[in-house]
Amino acid sequence: MHKRVTFSNWLLAIFLVLPQLLVTLIFFIWPAGQALYQSVLREDAFGLKSQFVGLDNFIYLFHDQNYLYSLSITLFFSFITTLLSMGLALIFATMADKTIKGTNPYKIILTSAYAIAPAICGVLWWFLFNPTIGLLAYSLKFMGYPWNHYLNGTDALILIVIAAGWKQISYNFLFFLAGLQAIPRSLIEAAAIDGASPIRRFWNIIFPLLSPTTFFLLVINLVYNFFETFGIIHATTKGGPAKATETLVYKVFNDGFIGLNLGSSAAQSVILMIIVCFLTFLQFRFIEKRVQY
């Protein structure tokens, strides 16, 4: 039973939570309110004149083929990147959890990518897949595949999936490894004594006990792919070629900062926030039922 803390002076309680309230107000409530306000306005390119247009910005977006295409690209990119980063991280964590010598350097190498900024990560993969000087692009060309993400939209999409997935593997690896190390060894040893194969032990014992960690990472990866991959896309493809890698968050930047269409950009921000909240709600509503706490 948790002991409840009470304050005799209510001013002290407000003073203690005031810093957190200010941070939330300044960095979340205020920008979100400003985006919501600007989404119902149509402004000129310099922001000198504005006109109230109601929901016209939202209605226009859902009739805009470029926006619907960006939405489909974002959903596909998020699904593939989440699958890639979480799948590889789980495999690496399972290997690192084994009691063998020399696992510490292996763990350090796997977690080091987490310290790299998204833009730097994008530049690294841009160099590797550069059609002129890139080592991996040269290797693919040597094997008969003419890699060129400047001209081929599929190549560009593969490039940002690899870069974004690689960046997130280390984060997922840390949580999966911590989850694996929290599982009692006695359960796994008892199953081994009963004759269960390693694959059966993993699917029937280890993976169900990892379900809270997997569910948490699923939500985090979804938010990461929708919001935090802007730096990677900007450093590698800039949304091209021909908008093949223009995800929703990059389209917000293109329309707002390059096209100076502030009303449409704000409306896209609001829709993006609603989509992420809706997908998170669906995960809690349907997937959390399968989680075994």
C-alpha atoms as a PDB file:
ATOM      1  CA  MET A   1       0.000   0.000   0.000  1.00  0.00           C
ATOM      2  CA  HIS A   2       1.394   3.397  -1.041  1.00  0.00           C
ATOM      3  CA  LYS A   3       1.665   6.057   1.638  1.00  0.00           C
ATOM      4  CA  ARG A   4      -0.047   9.279   0.605  1.00  0.00           C
ATOM      5  CA  VAL A   5       1.901  12.502   1.125  1.00  0.00           C
ATOM      6  CA  THR A   6      -0.086  15.495   2.366  1.00  0.00           C
ATOM      7  CA  PHE A   7       0.976  19.124   2.665  1.00  0.00           C
ATOM      8  CA  SER A   8      -0.254  21.352   5.466  1.00  0.00           C
ATOM      9  CA  ASN A   9       0.457  24.416   3.329  1.00  0.00           C
ATOM     10  CA  TRP A  10      -1.086  24.211  -0.170  1.00  0.00           C
ATOM     11  CA  LEU A  11       1.239  26.969  -1.425  1.00  0.00           C
ATOM     12  CA  LEU A  12       4.213  24.630  -0.904  1.00  0.00           C
ATOM     13  CA  ALA A  13       2.552  21.938  -3.043  1.00  0.00           C
ATOM     14  CA  ILE A  14       1.937  24.431  -5.860  1.00  0.00           C
ATOM     15  CA  PHE A  15       5.510  25.726  -5.585  1.00  0.00           C
ATOM     16  CA  LEU A  16       6.917  22.184  -5.962  1.00  0.00           C
ATOM     17  CA  VAL A  17       4.938  21.368  -9.115  1.00  0.00           C
ATOM     18  CA  LEU A  18       5.258  24.878 -10.612  1.00  0.00           C
ATOM     19  CA  PRO A  19       8.455  24.163 -12.657  1.00  0.00           C
ATOM     20  CA  GLN A  20       6.845  21.146 -14.344  1.00  0.00           C
ATOM     21  CA  LEU A  21       3.655  23.101 -15.000  1.00  0.00           C
ATOM     22  CA  LEU A  22       5.645  25.960 -16.573  1.00  0.00           C
ATOM     23  CA  VAL A  23       7.629  23.579 -18.813  1.00  0.00           C
ATOM     24  CA  THR A  24       4.406  21.879 -19.966  1.00  0.00           C
ATOM     25  CA  LEU A  25       2.710  25.223 -20.560  1.00  0.00           C
ATOM     26  CA  ILE A  26       5.602  26.801 -22.498  1.00  0.00           C
ATOM     27  CA  PHE A  27       6.761  23.816 -24.568  1.00  0.00           C
ATOM     28  CA  PHE A  28       3.466  21.936 -25.184  1.00  0.00           C
ATOM     29  CA  ILE A  29       0.247  23.812 -24.348  1.00  0.00           C
ATOM     30  CA  TRP A  30       1.280  27.146 -25.861  1.00  0.00           C
ATOM     31  CA  PRO A  31       2.682  25.776 -29.201  1.00  0.00           C
ATOM     32  CA  ALA A  32      -0.245  23.352 -29.555  1.00  0.00           C
ATOM     33  CA  GLY A  33      -2.719  26.189 -28.937  1.00  0.00           C
ATOM     34  CA  GLN A  34      -0.912  28.433 -31.428  1.00  0.00           C
ATOM     35  CA  ALA A  35      -0.970  25.675 -34.096  1.00  0.00           C
ATOM     36  CA  LEU A  36      -4.685  25.134 -33.486  1.00  0.00           C
ATOM     37  CA  TYR A  37      -5.335  28.890 -33.788  1.00  0.00           C
ATOM     38  CA  GLN A  38      -3.319  29.289 -37.009  1.00  0.00           C
ATOM     39  CA  SER A  39      -4.946  26.213 -38.573  1.00  0.00           C
ATOM     40  CA  VAL A  40      -8.215  28.132 -38.996  1.00  0.00           C
ATOM     41  CA  LEU A  41      -6.524  31.161 -40.578  1.00  0.00           C
ATOM     42  CA  ARG A  42      -5.240  31.976 -44.044  1.00  0.00           C
ATOM     43  CA  GLU A  43      -2.207  34.278 -43.882  1.00  0.00           C
ATOM     44  CA  ASP A  44      -0.086  35.954 -46.490  1.00  0.00           C
ATOM     45  CA  ALA A  45       3.504  34.830 -46.952  1.00  0.00           C
ATOM     46  CA  PHE A  46       4.853  37.519 -44.579  1.00  0.00           C
ATOM     47  CA  GLY A  47       2.250  36.996 -41.857  1.00  0.00           C
ATOM     48  CA  LEU A  48       1.022  40.609 -42.125  1.00  0.00           C
ATOM     49  CA  LYS A  49      -2.614  39.806 -42.957  1.00  0.00           C
ATOM     50  CA  SER A  50      -4.753  36.926 -41.859  1.00  0.00           C
ATOM     51  CA  GLN A  51      -8.323  35.830 -42.573  1.00  0.00           C
ATOM     52  CA  PHE A  52     -10.497  33.430 -40.628  1.00  0.00           C
ATOM     53  CA  VAL A  53     -11.435  30.508 -42.931  1.00  0.00           C
ATOM     54  CA  GLY A  54     -12.842  27.993 -40.455  1.00  0.00           C
ATOM     55  CA  LEU A  55     -12.149  24.384 -41.466  1.00  0.00           C
ATOM     56  CA  ASP A  56     -11.222  25.199 -45.089  1.00  0.00           C
ATOM     57  CA  ASN A  57      -7.544  24.332 -44.520  1.00  0.00           C
ATOM     58  CA  PHE A  58      -8.508  20.872 -43.233  1.00  0.00           C
ATOM     59  CA  ILE A  59     -11.043  20.239 -46.027  1.00  0.00           C
ATOM     60  CA  TYR A  60      -8.509  21.219 -48.665  1.00  0.00           C
ATOM     61  CA  LEU A  61      -5.904  18.831 -47.241  1.00  0.00           C
ATOM     62  CA  PHE A  62      -8.203  15.807 -47.464  1.00  0.00           C
ATOM     63  CA  HIS A  63      -8.818  16.597 -51.157  1.00  0.00           C
ATOM     64  CA  ASP A  64      -5.122  17.160 -51.879  1.00  0.00           C
ATOM     65  CA  GLN A  65      -3.568  14.113 -53.591  1.00  0.00           C
ATOM     66  CA  ASN A  66      -0.060  15.142 -52.481  1.00  0.00           C
ATOM     67  CA  TYR A  67      -1.141  15.147 -48.824  1.00  0.00           C
ATOM     68  CA  LEU A  68      -2.871  11.754 -49.101  1.00  0.00           C
ATOM     69  CA  TYR A  69       0.230  10.381 -50.803  1.00  0.00           C
ATOM     70  CA  SER A  70       2.409  11.703 -47.943  1.00  0.00           C
ATOM     71  CA  LEU A  71       0.053  10.042 -45.462  1.00  0.00           C
ATOM     72  CA  SER A  72       0.422   6.656 -47.190  1.00  0.00           C
ATOM     73  CA  ILE A  73       4.219   7.072 -47.352  1.00  0.00           C
ATOM     74  CA  THR A  74       4.311   7.925 -43.626  1.00  0.00           C
ATOM     75  CA  LEU A  75       2.245   4.889 -42.600  1.00  0.00           C
ATOM     76  CA  PHE A  76       4.351   2.536 -44.737  1.00  0.00           C
ATOM     77  CA  PHE A  77       7.621   4.088 -43.533  1.00  0.00           C
ATOM     78  CA  SER A  78       6.547   3.900 -39.871  1.00  0.00           C
ATOM     79  CA  PHE A  79       5.438   0.266 -40.112  1.00  0.00           C
ATOM     80  CA  ILE A  80       8.570  -0.990 -41.902  1.00  0.00           C
ATOM     81  CA  THR A  81      10.983   1.030 -39.730  1.00  0.00           C
ATOM     82  CA  THR A  82       9.317  -0.139 -36.503  1.00  0.00           C
ATOM     83  CA  LEU A  83       9.403  -3.758 -37.664  1.00  0.00           C
ATOM     84  CA  LEU A  84      13.058  -3.494 -38.712  1.00  0.00           C
ATOM     85  CA  SER A  85      14.379  -1.699 -35.622  1.00  0.00           C
ATOM     86  CA  MET A  86      12.432  -3.726 -33.044  1.00  0.00           C
ATOM     87  CA  GLY A  87      13.061  -7.071 -34.753  1.00  0.00           C
ATOM     88  CA  LEU A  88      16.818  -6.578 -35.035  1.00  0.00           C
ATOM     89  CA  ALA A  89      17.034  -5.113 -31.525  1.00  0.00           C
ATOM     90  CA  LEU A  90      15.263  -8.160 -30.072  1.00  0.00           C
ATOM     91  CA  ILE A  91      17.648 -10.522 -31.884  1.00  0.00           C
ATOM     92  CA  PHE A  92      20.719  -8.564 -30.699  1.00  0.00           C
ATOM     93  CA  ALA A  93      19.411  -8.352 -27.107  1.00  0.00           C
ATOM     94  CA  THR A  94      18.737 -12.098 -27.026  1.00  0.00           C
ATOM     95  CA  MET A  95      22.299 -12.750 -28.157  1.00  0.00           C
ATOM     96  CA  ALA A  96      23.742 -10.260 -25.631  1.00  0.00           C
ATOM     97  CA  ASP A  97      21.739 -11.817 -22.791  1.00  0.00           C
ATOM     98  CA  LYS A  98      23.608 -15.111 -23.112  1.00  0.00           C
ATOM     99  CA  THR A  99      26.217 -15.750 -20.425  1.00  0.00           C
ATOM    100  CA  ILE A 100      29.282 -15.848 -22.618  1.00  0.00           C
ATOM    101  CA  LYS A 101      32.572 -13.954 -22.444  1.00  0.00           C
ATOM    102  CA  GLY A 102      33.152 -10.782 -24.406  1.00  0.00           C
ATOM    103  CA  THR A 103      29.565  -9.445 -24.393  1.00  0.00           C
ATOM    104  CA  ASN A 104      30.454  -6.049 -22.883  1.00  0.00           C
ATOM    105  CA  PRO A 105      32.180  -4.634 -26.031  1.00  0.00           C
ATOM    106  CA  TYR A 106      29.260  -6.014 -28.052  1.00  0.00           C
ATOM    107  CA  LYS A 107      26.771  -4.132 -25.823  1.00  0.00           C
ATOM    108  CA  ILE A 108      28.801  -0.899 -25.984  1.00  0.00           C
ATOM    109  CA  ILE A 109      28.966  -0.999 -29.780  1.00  0.00           C
ATOM    110  CA  LEU A 110      25.226  -1.607 -30.067  1.00  0.00           C
ATOM    111  CA  THR A 111      24.268   1.213 -27.690  1.00  0.00           C
ATOM    112  CA  SER A 112      26.716   3.794 -29.076  1.00  0.00           C
ATOM    113  CA  ALA A 113      24.444   4.663 -32.031  1.00  0.00           C
ATOM    114  CA  TYR A 114      21.898   6.131 -29.600  1.00  0.00           C
ATOM    115  CA  ALA A 115      24.266   9.045 -28.877  1.00  0.00           C
ATOM    116  CA  ILE A 116      24.357  10.082 -32.559  1.00  0.00           C
ATOM    117  CA  ALA A 117      22.062  12.937 -33.570  1.00  0.00           C
ATOM    118  CA  PRO A 118      19.482  12.139 -36.285  1.00  0.00           C
ATOM    119  CA  ALA A 119      21.029  14.601 -38.757  1.00  0.00           C
ATOM    120  CA  ILE A 120      24.506  13.073 -38.283  1.00  0.00           C
ATOM    121  CA  CYS A 121      23.016   9.602 -38.689  1.00  0.00           C
ATOM    122  CA  GLY A 122      21.447  10.746 -41.967  1.00  0.00           C
ATOM    123  CA  VAL A 123      24.754  12.157 -43.232  1.00  0.00           C
ATOM    124  CA  LEU A 124      26.572   8.886 -42.408  1.00  0.00           C
ATOM    125  CA  TRP A 125      24.118   6.787 -44.424  1.00  0.00           C
ATOM    126  CA  TRP A 126      24.047   9.420 -47.181  1.00  0.00           C
ATOM    127  CA  PHE A 127      27.810   8.949 -47.597  1.00  0.00           C
ATOM    128  CA  LEU A 128      27.528   5.140 -47.602  1.00  0.00           C
ATOM    129  CA  PHE A 129      24.766   5.124 -50.240  1.00  0.00           C
ATOM    130  CA  ASN A 130      25.984   8.073 -52.310  1.00  0.00           C
ATOM    131  CA  PRO A 131      25.886   6.895 -55.979  1.00  0.00           C
ATOM    132  CA  THR A 132      29.233   8.599 -56.706  1.00  0.00           C
ATOM    133  CA  ILE A 133      31.406   8.018 -53.625  1.00  0.00           C
ATOM    134  CA  GLY A 134      29.402   5.637 -51.407  1.00  0.00           C
ATOM    135  CA  LEU A 135      30.918   2.274 -50.489  1.00  0.00           C
ATOM    136  CA  LEU A 136      27.567   0.454 -50.267  1.00  0.00           C
ATOM    137  CA  ALA A 137      26.286   2.051 -53.494  1.00  0.00           C
ATOM    138  CA  TYR A 138      29.484   0.923 -55.228  1.00  0.00           C
ATOM    139  CA  SER A 139      29.057  -2.625 -53.836  1.00  0.00           C
ATOM    140  CA  LEU A 140      25.461  -2.772 -55.087  1.00  0.00           C
ATOM    141  CA  LYS A 141      26.547  -1.504 -58.497  1.00  0.00           C
ATOM    142  CA  PHE A 142      29.288  -4.159 -58.552  1.00  0.00           C
ATOM    143  CA  MET A 143      26.609  -6.832 -57.913  1.00  0.00           C
ATOM    144  CA  GLY A 144      24.539  -5.496 -60.807  1.00  0.00           C
ATOM    145  CA  TYR A 145      22.063  -3.149 -59.061  1.00  0.00           C
ATOM    146  CA  PRO A 146      22.366   0.497 -60.201  1.00  0.00           C
ATOM    147  CA  TRP A 147      21.617   2.200 -56.862  1.00  0.00           C
ATOM    148  CA  ASN A 148      20.652   5.880 -57.182  1.00  0.00           C
ATOM    149  CA  HIS A 149      18.417   7.381 -54.520  1.00  0.00           C
ATOM    150  CA  TYR A 150      18.520  10.755 -56.319  1.00  0.00           C
ATOM    151  CA  LEU A 151      16.465   9.356 -59.220  1.00  0.00           C
ATOM    152  CA  ASN A 152      14.765   6.248 -57.855  1.00  0.00           C
ATOM    153  CA  GLY A 153      12.032   6.805 -55.253  1.00  0.00           C
ATOM    154  CA  THR A 154      12.171   3.209 -53.997  1.00  0.00           C
ATOM    155  CA  ASP A 155      15.909   3.515 -53.358  1.00  0.00           C
ATOM    156  CA  ALA A 156      15.334   6.766 -51.481  1.00  0.00           C
ATOM    157  CA  LEU A 157      12.620   5.171 -49.324  1.00  0.00           C
ATOM    158  CA  ILE A 158      14.884   2.203 -48.534  1.00  0.00           C
ATOM    159  CA  LEU A 159      17.650   4.627 -47.569  1.00  0.00           C
ATOM    160  CA  ILE A 160      15.570   6.516 -44.985  1.00  0.00           C
ATOM    161  CA  VAL A 161      14.126   3.248 -43.605  1.00  0.00           C
ATOM    162  CA  ILE A 162      17.639   1.864 -43.054  1.00  0.00           C
ATOM    163  CA  ALA A 163      18.933   5.117 -41.520  1.00  0.00           C
ATOM    164  CA  ALA A 164      15.924   5.622 -39.214  1.00  0.00           C
ATOM    165  CA  GLY A 165      15.814   1.946 -38.220  1.00  0.00           C
ATOM    166  CA  TRP A 166      19.545   1.838 -37.473  1.00  0.00           C
ATOM    167  CA  LYS A 167      19.274   4.945 -35.289  1.00  0.00           C
ATOM    168  CA  GLN A 168      16.484   3.383 -33.187  1.00  0.00           C
ATOM    169  CA  ILE A 169      17.975  -0.119 -32.798  1.00  0.00           C
ATOM    170  CA  SER A 170      20.197   0.903 -29.877  1.00  0.00           C
ATOM    171  CA  TYR A 171      17.266   2.418 -27.938  1.00  0.00           C
ATOM    172  CA  ASN A 172      15.150  -0.721 -28.434  1.00  0.00           C
ATOM    173  CA  PHE A 173      18.150  -2.914 -27.625  1.00  0.00           C
ATOM    174  CA  LEU A 174      18.611  -1.316 -24.190  1.00  0.00           C
ATOM    175  CA  PHE A 175      15.001  -1.919 -23.168  1.00  0.00           C
ATOM    176  CA  PHE A 176      14.840  -5.447 -24.571  1.00  0.00           C
ATOM    177  CA  LEU A 177      18.081  -6.374 -22.801  1.00  0.00           C
ATOM    178  CA  ALA A 178      16.819  -4.961 -19.487  1.00  0.00           C
ATOM    179  CA  GLY A 179      13.558  -6.889 -19.950  1.00  0.00           C
ATOM    180  CA  LEU A 180      15.399 -10.137 -20.708  1.00  0.00           C
ATOM    181  CA  GLN A 181      17.659  -9.766 -17.670  1.00  0.00           C
ATOM    182  CA  ALA A 182      14.603  -9.287 -15.426  1.00  0.00           C
ATOM    183  CA  ILE A 183      13.165 -12.706 -16.389  1.00  0.00           C
ATOM    184  CA  PRO A 184      13.934 -15.305 -13.668  1.00  0.00           C
ATOM    185  CA  ARG A 185      16.486 -17.848 -14.911  1.00  0.00           C
ATOM    186  CA  SER A 186      14.718 -20.560 -12.953  1.00  0.00           C
ATOM    187  CA  LEU A 187      11.721 -20.438 -15.341  1.00  0.00           C
ATOM    188  CA  ILE A 188      13.902 -20.916 -18.419  1.00  0.00           C
ATOM    189  CA  GLU A 189      15.970 -23.644 -16.753  1.00  0.00           C
ATOM    190  CA  ALA A 190      12.821 -25.513 -15.672  1.00  0.00           C
ATOM    191  CA  ALA A 191      11.498 -25.427 -19.247  1.00  0.00           C
ATOM    192  CA  ALA A 192      14.862 -26.682 -20.528  1.00  0.00           C
ATOM    193  CA  ILE A 193      14.788 -29.558 -18.031  1.00  0.00           C
ATOM    194  CA  ASP A 194      11.266 -30.444 -19.265  1.00  0.00           C
ATOM    195  CA  GLY A 195      12.693 -30.775 -22.771  1.00  0.00           C
ATOM    196  CA  ALA A 196      11.460 -27.517 -24.372  1.00  0.00           C
ATOM    197  CA  SER A 197      13.585 -26.456 -27.358  1.00  0.00           C
ATOM    198  CA  PRO A 198      15.226 -22.965 -27.396  1.00  0.00           C
ATOM    199  CA  ILE A 199      12.652 -21.704 -29.925  1.00  0.00           C
ATOM    200  CA  ARG A 200       9.739 -22.998 -27.867  1.00  0.00           C
ATOM    201  CA  ARG A 201      11.223 -21.509 -24.662  1.00  0.00           C
ATOM    202  CA  PHE A 202      11.479 -18.156 -26.407  1.00  0.00           C
ATOM    203  CA  TRP A 203       7.920 -18.050 -27.798  1.00  0.00           C
ATOM    204  CA  ASN A 204       6.137 -19.645 -24.802  1.00  0.00           C
ATOM    205  CA  ILE A 205       8.073 -18.130 -21.884  1.00  0.00           C
ATOM    206  CA  ILE A 206      10.445 -15.312 -22.815  1.00  0.00           C
ATOM    207  CA  PHE A 207       8.394 -13.394 -25.379  1.00  0.00           C
ATOM    208  CA  PRO A 208       5.147 -13.300 -23.292  1.00  0.00           C
ATOM    209  CA  LEU A 209       7.141 -12.008 -20.303  1.00  0.00           C
ATOM    210  CA  LEU A 210       8.642  -9.340 -22.603  1.00  0.00           C
ATOM    211  CA  SER A 211       5.196  -8.136 -23.749  1.00  0.00           C
ATOM    212  CA  PRO A 212       5.106  -5.014 -21.468  1.00  0.00           C
ATOM    213  CA  THR A 213       8.498  -3.934 -22.862  1.00  0.00           C
ATOM    214  CA  THR A 214       7.417  -4.714 -26.434  1.00  0.00           C
ATOM    215  CA  PHE A 215       4.195  -2.746 -26.019  1.00  0.00           C
ATOM    216  CA  PHE A 216       6.039   0.258 -24.571  1.00  0.00           C
ATOM    217  CA  LEU A 217       8.573   0.209 -27.423  1.00  0.00           C
ATOM    218  CA  LEU A 218       5.796  -0.085 -30.004  1.00  0.00           C
ATOM    219  CA  VAL A 219       4.266   3.187 -28.789  1.00  0.00           C
ATOM    220  CA  ILE A 220       7.661   4.935 -28.559  1.00  0.00           C
ATOM    221  CA  ASN A 221       8.743   3.777 -32.029  1.00  0.00           C
ATOM    222  CA  LEU A 222       5.505   4.979 -33.547  1.00  0.00           C
ATOM    223  CA  VAL A 223       5.999   8.474 -32.113  1.00  0.00           C
ATOM    224  CA  TYR A 224       9.665   8.424 -33.186  1.00  0.00           C
ATOM    225  CA  ASN A 225       8.860   7.512 -36.796  1.00  0.00           C
ATOM    226  CA  PHE A 226       6.120  10.131 -37.092  1.00  0.00           C
ATOM    227  CA  PHE A 227       7.930  13.066 -35.438  1.00  0.00           C
ATOM    228  CA  GLU A 228      11.658  12.518 -34.877  1.00  0.00           C
ATOM    229  CA  THR A 229      12.863  11.341 -38.292  1.00  0.00           C
ATOM    230  CA  PHE A 230      12.810  14.819 -39.818  1.00  0.00           C
ATOM    231  CA  GLY A 231      16.584  15.277 -39.384  1.00  0.00           C
ATOM    232  CA  ILE A 232      17.348  11.965 -41.117  1.00  0.00           C
ATOM    233  CA  ILE A 233      15.090  12.729 -44.095  1.00  0.00           C
ATOM    234  CA  HIS A 234      16.409  16.273 -44.419  1.00  0.00           C
ATOM    235  CA  ALA A 235      20.036  15.081 -44.415  1.00  0.00           C
ATOM    236  CA  THR A 236      19.512  12.233 -46.892  1.00  0.00           C
ATOM    237  CA  THR A 237      16.743  12.848 -49.447  1.00  0.00           C
ATOM    238  CA  LYS A 238      15.054  16.160 -48.519  1.00  0.00           C
ATOM    239  CA  GLY A 239      11.715  14.485 -49.241  1.00  0.00           C
ATOM    240  CA  GLY A 240      12.635  13.560 -52.832  1.00  0.00           C
ATOM    241  CA  PRO A 241      12.849  12.442 -55.496  1.00  0.00           C
ATOM    242  CA  ALA A 242       9.411  13.673 -56.623  1.00  0.00           C
ATOM    243  CA  LYS A 243       8.080  13.605 -53.003  1.00  0.00           C
ATOM    244  CA  ALA A 244       8.801   9.855 -52.725  1.00  0.00           C
ATOM    245  CA  THR A 245      10.092  10.300 -49.153  1.00  0.00           C
ATOM    246  CA  GLU A 246       8.036  13.317 -48.093  1.00  0.00           C
ATOM    247  CA  THR A 247       6.503  12.116 -44.835  1.00  0.00           C
ATOM    248  CA  LEU A 248       3.880  14.159 -43.006  1.00  0.00           C
ATOM    249  CA  VAL A 249       6.339  15.860 -40.686  1.00  0.00           C
ATOM    250  CA  TYR A 250       8.564  16.818 -43.624  1.00  0.00           C
ATOM    251  CA  LYS A 251       5.564  18.134 -45.571  1.00  0.00           C
ATOM    252  CA  VAL A 252       4.721  20.383 -42.600  1.00  0.00           C
ATOM    253  CA  PHE A 253       8.218  21.861 -42.916  1.00  0.00           C
ATOM    254  CA  ASN A 254       8.051  22.144 -46.722  1.00  0.00           C
ATOM    255  CA  ASP A 255       4.671  23.870 -46.784  1.00  0.00           C
ATOM    256  CA  GLY A 256       5.288  26.080 -43.731  1.00  0.00           C
ATOM    257  CA  PHE A 257       8.933  27.145 -44.028  1.00  0.00           C
ATOM    258  CA  ILE A 258       9.603  26.731 -47.767  1.00  0.00           C
ATOM    259  CA  GLY A 259       6.152  27.391 -49.261  1.00  0.00           C
ATOM    260  CA  LEU A 260       5.203  29.910 -46.503  1.00  0.00           C
ATOM    261  CA  ASN A 261       1.673  28.461 -46.396  1.00  0.00           C
ATOM    262  CA  LEU A 262       1.351  28.847 -42.631  1.00  0.00           C
ATOM    263  CA  GLY A 263      -2.364  28.027 -42.346  1.00  0.00           C
ATOM    264  CA  SER A 264      -2.054  24.711 -44.216  1.00  0.00           C
ATOM    265  CA  SER A 265       1.126  23.844 -42.325  1.00  0.00           C
ATOM    266  CA  ALA A 266      -0.588  24.466 -38.977  1.00  0.00           C
ATOM    267  CA  ALA A 267      -3.595  22.354 -40.052  1.00  0.00           C
ATOM    268  CA  GLN A 268      -1.225  19.526 -41.005  1.00  0.00           C
ATOM    269  CA  SER A 269       0.412  19.760 -37.566  1.00  0.00           C
ATOM    270  CA  VAL A 270      -2.967  19.412 -35.873  1.00  0.00           C
ATOM    271  CA  ILE A 271      -3.921  16.415 -38.054  1.00  0.00           C
ATOM    272  CA  LEU A 272      -0.530  14.795 -37.390  1.00  0.00           C
ATOM    273  CA  MET A 273      -1.036  15.152 -33.647  1.00  0.00           C
ATOM    274  CA  ILE A 274      -4.560  13.674 -33.910  1.00  0.00           C
ATOM    275  CA  ILE A 275      -3.303  10.707 -35.997  1.00  0.00           C
ATOM    276  CA  VAL A 276      -0.572   9.854 -33.476  1.00  0.00           C
ATOM    277  CA  CYS A 277      -3.012  10.175 -30.538  1.00  0.00           C
ATOM    278  CA  PHE A 278      -5.535   7.965 -32.381  1.00  0.00           C
ATOM    279  CA  LEU A 279      -2.955   5.273 -33.211  1.00  0.00           C
ATOM    280  CA  THR A 280      -1.708   5.323 -29.609  1.00  0.00           C
ATOM    281  CA  PHE A 281      -5.312   4.952 -28.397  1.00  0.00           C
ATOM    282  CA  LEU A 282      -5.804   1.956 -30.714  1.00  0.00           C
ATOM    283  CA  GLN A 283      -2.663   0.333 -29.352  1.00  0.00           C
ATOM    284  CA  PHE A 284      -3.818   0.786 -25.752  1.00  0.00           C
ATOM    285  CA  ARG A 285      -7.361  -0.314 -26.652  1.00  0.00           C
ATOM    286  CA  PHE A 286      -6.578  -3.505 -28.586  1.00  0.00           C
ATOM    287  CA  ILE A 287      -2.926  -4.527 -28.161  1.00  0.00           C
ATOM    288  CA  GLU A 288      -2.595  -3.855 -24.423  1.00  0.00           C
ATOM    289  CA  LYS A 289      -5.130  -6.648 -23.775  1.00  0.00           C
ATOM    290  CA  ARG A 290      -2.504  -9.146 -24.923  1.00  0.00           C
ATOM    291  CA  VAL A 291       0.159  -7.715 -22.597  1.00  0.00           C
ATOM    292  CA  GLN A 292       0.928  -9.875 -19.554  1.00  0.00           C
ATOM    293  CA  TYR A 293       1.998  -7.648 -16.653  1.00  0.00           C
END
